[in-house]
Amino acid sequence: MPPFPSPNRDATKMNPAERQRYSRQILFAGLGEAGQESLLRAHAVVAGCGALGSFHAAALARAGVGRLTIIDRDYVEPANLHRQWLFEESDAAEALPKAVAAVRRLERINSSVAVRGVVADLTAENAADLLGGAGVILDGTDNFETRYLINDFAISLSASLVIAPLVIPISSAIQLGGVGSLP
């Protein structure tokens, strides 16, 4: 698995630029400066970078999650650009893997977030390496076998799991809180 790039920030405290960038978030009751610093130290995994996964990855980067892992084996395709907001026509023209294109874009959205892209299937053999250490896992996958695998691993890790099924016509999202919940 590729290592995280070195973050472009001190991992312990917010610097003045970060305090300014996240100033509106810090104003929210229940988050505050301590909560933002917790986000900056957090590790989130987005499994599946399609319509929901790409949107969630961008939101996490904008919110200032410190480390972000993107797992997807598929490639950016023109037919999906209308719903996969993170990707551009140039990504499809280059036939980039979604995880590679996501890293490229997320680093432009927030250069202080350490983003790691993994072009692979998520399997029982690599789940510990790919999901380990995550405080929250966002499941944007499109098959039940992988969903069950992620669920089982999140339970064993006591990590928060956010599932957003698009297998049915109406999507819904549920957060199942765990010990490692983000604030």
C-alpha atoms as a PDB file:
ATOM      1  CA  MET A   1       0.000   0.000   0.000  1.00  0.00           C
ATOM      2  CA  PRO A   2       1.362   3.457  -0.797  1.00  0.00           C
ATOM      3  CA  PRO A   3       2.391   5.477   2.252  1.00  0.00           C
ATOM      4  CA  PHE A   4       0.766   8.772   3.084  1.00  0.00           C
ATOM      5  CA  PRO A   5       2.601  11.755   1.665  1.00  0.00           C
ATOM      6  CA  SER A   6       4.126  14.022   4.268  1.00  0.00           C
ATOM      7  CA  PRO A   7       1.424  16.434   5.390  1.00  0.00           C
ATOM      8  CA  ASN A   8       1.992  20.085   4.592  1.00  0.00           C
ATOM      9  CA  ARG A   9       1.264  20.962   8.198  1.00  0.00           C
ATOM     10  CA  ASP A  10       2.274  20.433  11.813  1.00  0.00           C
ATOM     11  CA  ALA A  11       0.173  17.475  12.922  1.00  0.00           C
ATOM     12  CA  THR A  12      -0.344  18.646  16.496  1.00  0.00           C
ATOM     13  CA  LYS A  13      -1.862  22.142  16.456  1.00  0.00           C
ATOM     14  CA  MET A  14      -3.584  24.465  14.022  1.00  0.00           C
ATOM     15  CA  ASN A  15      -1.450  27.162  12.515  1.00  0.00           C
ATOM     16  CA  PRO A  16      -2.828  30.687  11.890  1.00  0.00           C
ATOM     17  CA  ALA A  17      -3.666  29.947   8.237  1.00  0.00           C
ATOM     18  CA  GLU A  18      -5.659  26.847   9.228  1.00  0.00           C
ATOM     19  CA  ARG A  19      -7.401  28.735  12.010  1.00  0.00           C
ATOM     20  CA  GLN A  20      -8.513  31.292   9.414  1.00  0.00           C
ATOM     21  CA  ARG A  21      -9.457  28.671   6.811  1.00  0.00           C
ATOM     22  CA  TYR A  22     -11.653  26.728   9.260  1.00  0.00           C
ATOM     23  CA  SER A  23     -12.884  29.750  11.225  1.00  0.00           C
ATOM     24  CA  ARG A  24     -16.542  29.263  10.226  1.00  0.00           C
ATOM     25  CA  GLN A  25     -16.453  25.592  11.237  1.00  0.00           C
ATOM     26  CA  ILE A  26     -14.822  26.423  14.546  1.00  0.00           C
ATOM     27  CA  LEU A  27     -17.823  28.650  15.361  1.00  0.00           C
ATOM     28  CA  PHE A  28     -20.175  25.641  15.397  1.00  0.00           C
ATOM     29  CA  ALA A  29     -21.126  24.549  18.906  1.00  0.00           C
ATOM     30  CA  GLY A  30     -19.887  21.044  19.496  1.00  0.00           C
ATOM     31  CA  LEU A  31     -16.915  21.404  17.145  1.00  0.00           C
ATOM     32  CA  GLY A  32     -14.894  24.426  18.199  1.00  0.00           C
ATOM     33  CA  GLU A  33     -11.129  24.650  17.972  1.00  0.00           C
ATOM     34  CA  ALA A  34     -10.542  21.342  19.780  1.00  0.00           C
ATOM     35  CA  GLY A  35     -12.871  19.537  17.382  1.00  0.00           C
ATOM     36  CA  GLN A  36     -11.180  21.065  14.351  1.00  0.00           C
ATOM     37  CA  GLU A  37      -7.790  20.010  15.671  1.00  0.00           C
ATOM     38  CA  SER A  38      -9.207  16.511  16.125  1.00  0.00           C
ATOM     39  CA  LEU A  39     -10.322  16.535  12.474  1.00  0.00           C
ATOM     40  CA  LEU A  40      -6.856  17.647  11.408  1.00  0.00           C
ATOM     41  CA  ARG A  41      -5.394  14.588  13.181  1.00  0.00           C
ATOM     42  CA  ALA A  42      -8.083  12.180  11.913  1.00  0.00           C
ATOM     43  CA  HIS A  43      -7.820   9.475   9.257  1.00  0.00           C
ATOM     44  CA  ALA A  44     -10.824   8.779   7.034  1.00  0.00           C
ATOM     45  CA  VAL A  45     -11.184   6.147   4.320  1.00  0.00           C
ATOM     46  CA  VAL A  46     -13.483   6.487   1.320  1.00  0.00           C
ATOM     47  CA  ALA A  47     -14.086   3.068  -0.223  1.00  0.00           C
ATOM     48  CA  GLY A  48     -15.553   3.552  -3.689  1.00  0.00           C
ATOM     49  CA  CYS A  49     -15.056   6.916  -5.375  1.00  0.00           C
ATOM     50  CA  GLY A  50     -18.124   7.074  -7.565  1.00  0.00           C
ATOM     51  CA  ALA A  51     -20.987   9.549  -7.192  1.00  0.00           C
ATOM     52  CA  LEU A  52     -21.229   9.513  -3.395  1.00  0.00           C
ATOM     53  CA  GLY A  53     -17.621   8.639  -2.652  1.00  0.00           C
ATOM     54  CA  SER A  54     -16.235  11.476  -4.755  1.00  0.00           C
ATOM     55  CA  PHE A  55     -18.588  13.965  -3.119  1.00  0.00           C
ATOM     56  CA  HIS A  56     -17.710  12.709   0.372  1.00  0.00           C
ATOM     57  CA  ALA A  57     -13.969  12.784  -0.369  1.00  0.00           C
ATOM     58  CA  ALA A  58     -14.186  16.425  -1.454  1.00  0.00           C
ATOM     59  CA  ALA A  59     -16.250  17.325   1.626  1.00  0.00           C
ATOM     60  CA  LEU A  60     -13.745  15.640   3.951  1.00  0.00           C
ATOM     61  CA  ALA A  61     -10.814  17.427   2.319  1.00  0.00           C
ATOM     62  CA  ARG A  62     -12.607  20.772   2.543  1.00  0.00           C
ATOM     63  CA  ALA A  63     -13.486  20.121   6.201  1.00  0.00           C
ATOM     64  CA  GLY A  64      -9.813  19.504   6.962  1.00  0.00           C
ATOM     65  CA  VAL A  65      -9.576  15.809   7.781  1.00  0.00           C
ATOM     66  CA  GLY A  66      -5.829  15.244   8.208  1.00  0.00           C
ATOM     67  CA  ARG A  67      -5.350  11.968   6.328  1.00  0.00           C
ATOM     68  CA  LEU A  68      -7.608  10.619   3.636  1.00  0.00           C
ATOM     69  CA  THR A  69      -7.394   7.253   1.883  1.00  0.00           C
ATOM     70  CA  ILE A  70      -9.312   6.772  -1.381  1.00  0.00           C
ATOM     71  CA  ILE A  71      -9.847   3.178  -2.531  1.00  0.00           C
ATOM     72  CA  ASP A  72     -11.255   2.447  -5.988  1.00  0.00           C
ATOM     73  CA  ARG A  73     -10.253   0.088  -8.779  1.00  0.00           C
ATOM     74  CA  ASP A  74     -12.276   1.750 -11.562  1.00  0.00           C
ATOM     75  CA  TYR A  75     -11.351   4.400 -14.106  1.00  0.00           C
ATOM     76  CA  VAL A  76     -12.908   7.797 -14.782  1.00  0.00           C
ATOM     77  CA  GLU A  77     -15.376   7.514 -17.657  1.00  0.00           C
ATOM     78  CA  PRO A  78     -17.140  10.306 -19.571  1.00  0.00           C
ATOM     79  CA  ALA A  79     -20.533   8.672 -18.974  1.00  0.00           C
ATOM     80  CA  ASN A  80     -20.162   9.218 -15.214  1.00  0.00           C
ATOM     81  CA  LEU A  81     -18.943  12.822 -15.173  1.00  0.00           C
ATOM     82  CA  HIS A  82     -22.451  14.213 -14.627  1.00  0.00           C
ATOM     83  CA  ARG A  83     -22.637  12.564 -11.201  1.00  0.00           C
ATOM     84  CA  GLN A  84     -19.039  12.119 -10.078  1.00  0.00           C
ATOM     85  CA  TRP A  85     -18.303  15.720  -9.127  1.00  0.00           C
ATOM     86  CA  LEU A  86     -14.666  15.262  -8.260  1.00  0.00           C
ATOM     87  CA  PHE A  87     -13.627  14.342 -11.791  1.00  0.00           C
ATOM     88  CA  GLU A  88     -13.144  16.339 -14.973  1.00  0.00           C
ATOM     89  CA  GLU A  89     -13.170  15.637 -18.709  1.00  0.00           C
ATOM     90  CA  SER A  90      -9.374  15.606 -18.734  1.00  0.00           C
ATOM     91  CA  ASP A  91      -9.367  12.744 -16.193  1.00  0.00           C
ATOM     92  CA  ALA A  92     -11.555  10.662 -18.498  1.00  0.00           C
ATOM     93  CA  ALA A  93      -9.499  11.623 -21.568  1.00  0.00           C
ATOM     94  CA  GLU A  94      -6.353  10.414 -19.768  1.00  0.00           C
ATOM     95  CA  ALA A  95      -8.201   7.233 -18.670  1.00  0.00           C
ATOM     96  CA  LEU A  96      -7.047   7.849 -15.103  1.00  0.00           C
ATOM     97  CA  PRO A  97      -7.939   5.497 -12.287  1.00  0.00           C
ATOM     98  CA  LYS A  98     -10.465   7.215 -10.017  1.00  0.00           C
ATOM     99  CA  ALA A  99      -8.128   6.952  -7.015  1.00  0.00           C
ATOM    100  CA  VAL A 100      -5.330   8.695  -8.944  1.00  0.00           C
ATOM    101  CA  ALA A 101      -7.595  11.433 -10.305  1.00  0.00           C
ATOM    102  CA  ALA A 102      -9.107  11.917  -6.843  1.00  0.00           C
ATOM    103  CA  VAL A 103      -5.696  12.428  -5.228  1.00  0.00           C
ATOM    104  CA  ARG A 104      -4.753  14.942  -7.905  1.00  0.00           C
ATOM    105  CA  ARG A 105      -7.940  16.953  -7.389  1.00  0.00           C
ATOM    106  CA  LEU A 106      -8.083  16.701  -3.595  1.00  0.00           C
ATOM    107  CA  GLU A 107      -4.522  17.979  -3.277  1.00  0.00           C
ATOM    108  CA  ARG A 108      -5.632  21.078  -5.216  1.00  0.00           C
ATOM    109  CA  ILE A 109      -8.701  21.479  -2.991  1.00  0.00           C
ATOM    110  CA  ASN A 110      -6.707  21.340   0.254  1.00  0.00           C
ATOM    111  CA  SER A 111      -2.938  20.966   0.121  1.00  0.00           C
ATOM    112  CA  SER A 112      -2.671  20.426   3.881  1.00  0.00           C
ATOM    113  CA  VAL A 113      -4.548  17.106   3.707  1.00  0.00           C
ATOM    114  CA  ALA A 114      -2.368  14.018   3.196  1.00  0.00           C
ATOM    115  CA  VAL A 115      -4.216  12.037   0.507  1.00  0.00           C
ATOM    116  CA  ARG A 116      -3.372   8.472  -0.471  1.00  0.00           C
ATOM    117  CA  GLY A 117      -4.988   6.826  -3.492  1.00  0.00           C
ATOM    118  CA  VAL A 118      -5.205   3.063  -3.777  1.00  0.00           C
ATOM    119  CA  VAL A 119      -6.110   1.476  -7.118  1.00  0.00           C
ATOM    120  CA  ALA A 120      -7.261  -1.944  -5.957  1.00  0.00           C
ATOM    121  CA  ASP A 121     -10.161  -4.156  -5.063  1.00  0.00           C
ATOM    122  CA  LEU A 122     -10.924  -4.148  -1.358  1.00  0.00           C
ATOM    123  CA  THR A 123     -10.634  -7.774  -0.242  1.00  0.00           C
ATOM    124  CA  ALA A 124     -10.399  -9.765   2.966  1.00  0.00           C
ATOM    125  CA  GLU A 125      -6.672 -10.095   2.268  1.00  0.00           C
ATOM    126  CA  ASN A 126      -5.971  -6.341   2.093  1.00  0.00           C
ATOM    127  CA  ALA A 127      -8.732  -4.885   4.305  1.00  0.00           C
ATOM    128  CA  ALA A 128      -6.500  -4.555   7.368  1.00  0.00           C
ATOM    129  CA  ASP A 129      -3.838  -2.682   5.381  1.00  0.00           C
ATOM    130  CA  LEU A 130      -6.298  -0.411   3.577  1.00  0.00           C
ATOM    131  CA  LEU A 131      -8.808   0.288   6.354  1.00  0.00           C
ATOM    132  CA  GLY A 132      -6.612  -0.020   9.444  1.00  0.00           C
ATOM    133  CA  GLY A 133      -6.180   3.070  11.559  1.00  0.00           C
ATOM    134  CA  ALA A 134      -9.246   4.820  10.160  1.00  0.00           C
ATOM    135  CA  GLY A 135     -11.501   6.675  12.574  1.00  0.00           C
ATOM    136  CA  VAL A 136     -14.293   6.687  10.014  1.00  0.00           C
ATOM    137  CA  ILE A 137     -14.937   4.646   6.881  1.00  0.00           C
ATOM    138  CA  LEU A 138     -17.302   5.915   4.198  1.00  0.00           C
ATOM    139  CA  ASP A 139     -18.740   3.093   2.117  1.00  0.00           C
ATOM    140  CA  GLY A 140     -19.490   4.228  -1.416  1.00  0.00           C
ATOM    141  CA  THR A 141     -19.136   0.766  -2.946  1.00  0.00           C
ATOM    142  CA  ASP A 142     -21.677  -0.821  -5.237  1.00  0.00           C
ATOM    143  CA  ASN A 143     -21.647  -4.493  -4.283  1.00  0.00           C
ATOM    144  CA  PHE A 144     -22.831  -6.354  -1.225  1.00  0.00           C
ATOM    145  CA  GLU A 145     -19.747  -8.542  -0.759  1.00  0.00           C
ATOM    146  CA  THR A 146     -17.536  -5.486  -0.261  1.00  0.00           C
ATOM    147  CA  ARG A 147     -20.160  -3.744   1.875  1.00  0.00           C
ATOM    148  CA  TYR A 148     -20.295  -6.712   4.250  1.00  0.00           C
ATOM    149  CA  LEU A 149     -16.495  -6.839   4.388  1.00  0.00           C
ATOM    150  CA  ILE A 150     -16.297  -3.125   5.268  1.00  0.00           C
ATOM    151  CA  ASN A 151     -19.042  -3.507   7.875  1.00  0.00           C
ATOM    152  CA  ASP A 152     -17.311  -6.453   9.549  1.00  0.00           C
ATOM    153  CA  PHE A 153     -13.980  -4.660   9.573  1.00  0.00           C
ATOM    154  CA  ALA A 154     -15.473  -1.430  10.976  1.00  0.00           C
ATOM    155  CA  ILE A 155     -17.084  -3.399  13.805  1.00  0.00           C
ATOM    156  CA  SER A 156     -13.799  -5.144  14.618  1.00  0.00           C
ATOM    157  CA  LEU A 157     -11.993  -1.777  14.589  1.00  0.00           C
ATOM    158  CA  SER A 158     -14.761   0.068  16.486  1.00  0.00           C
ATOM    159  CA  ALA A 159     -14.589   2.649  13.700  1.00  0.00           C
ATOM    160  CA  SER A 160     -17.517   4.760  12.584  1.00  0.00           C
ATOM    161  CA  LEU A 161     -19.041   3.530   9.354  1.00  0.00           C
ATOM    162  CA  VAL A 162     -21.063   5.724   7.036  1.00  0.00           C
ATOM    163  CA  ILE A 163     -23.009   3.738   4.473  1.00  0.00           C
ATOM    164  CA  ALA A 164     -24.839   5.253   1.545  1.00  0.00           C
ATOM    165  CA  PRO A 165     -26.434   2.559  -0.581  1.00  0.00           C
ATOM    166  CA  LEU A 166     -27.186   3.335  -4.190  1.00  0.00           C
ATOM    167  CA  VAL A 167     -28.264  -0.176  -5.026  1.00  0.00           C
ATOM    168  CA  ILE A 168     -31.885   0.895  -4.591  1.00  0.00           C
ATOM    169  CA  PRO A 169     -33.518   3.815  -6.459  1.00  0.00           C
ATOM    170  CA  ILE A 170     -33.746   6.018  -3.377  1.00  0.00           C
ATOM    171  CA  SER A 171     -30.465   6.606  -1.573  1.00  0.00           C
ATOM    172  CA  SER A 172     -30.132   7.124   2.123  1.00  0.00           C
ATOM    173  CA  ALA A 173     -27.244   7.523   4.491  1.00  0.00           C
ATOM    174  CA  ILE A 174     -26.839   6.142   7.985  1.00  0.00           C
ATOM    175  CA  GLN A 175     -23.999   6.791  10.395  1.00  0.00           C
ATOM    176  CA  LEU A 176     -23.288   4.049  12.859  1.00  0.00           C
ATOM    177  CA  GLY A 177     -21.252   5.606  15.675  1.00  0.00           C
ATOM    178  CA  GLY A 178     -18.216   3.800  16.976  1.00  0.00           C
ATOM    179  CA  VAL A 179     -15.514   4.352  19.533  1.00  0.00           C
ATOM    180  CA  GLY A 180     -13.316   6.101  16.961  1.00  0.00           C
ATOM    181  CA  SER A 181     -16.007   8.571  15.896  1.00  0.00           C
ATOM    182  CA  LEU A 182     -14.998  11.919  14.515  1.00  0.00           C
ATOM    183  CA  PRO A 183     -16.421  14.871  16.431  1.00  0.00           C
END
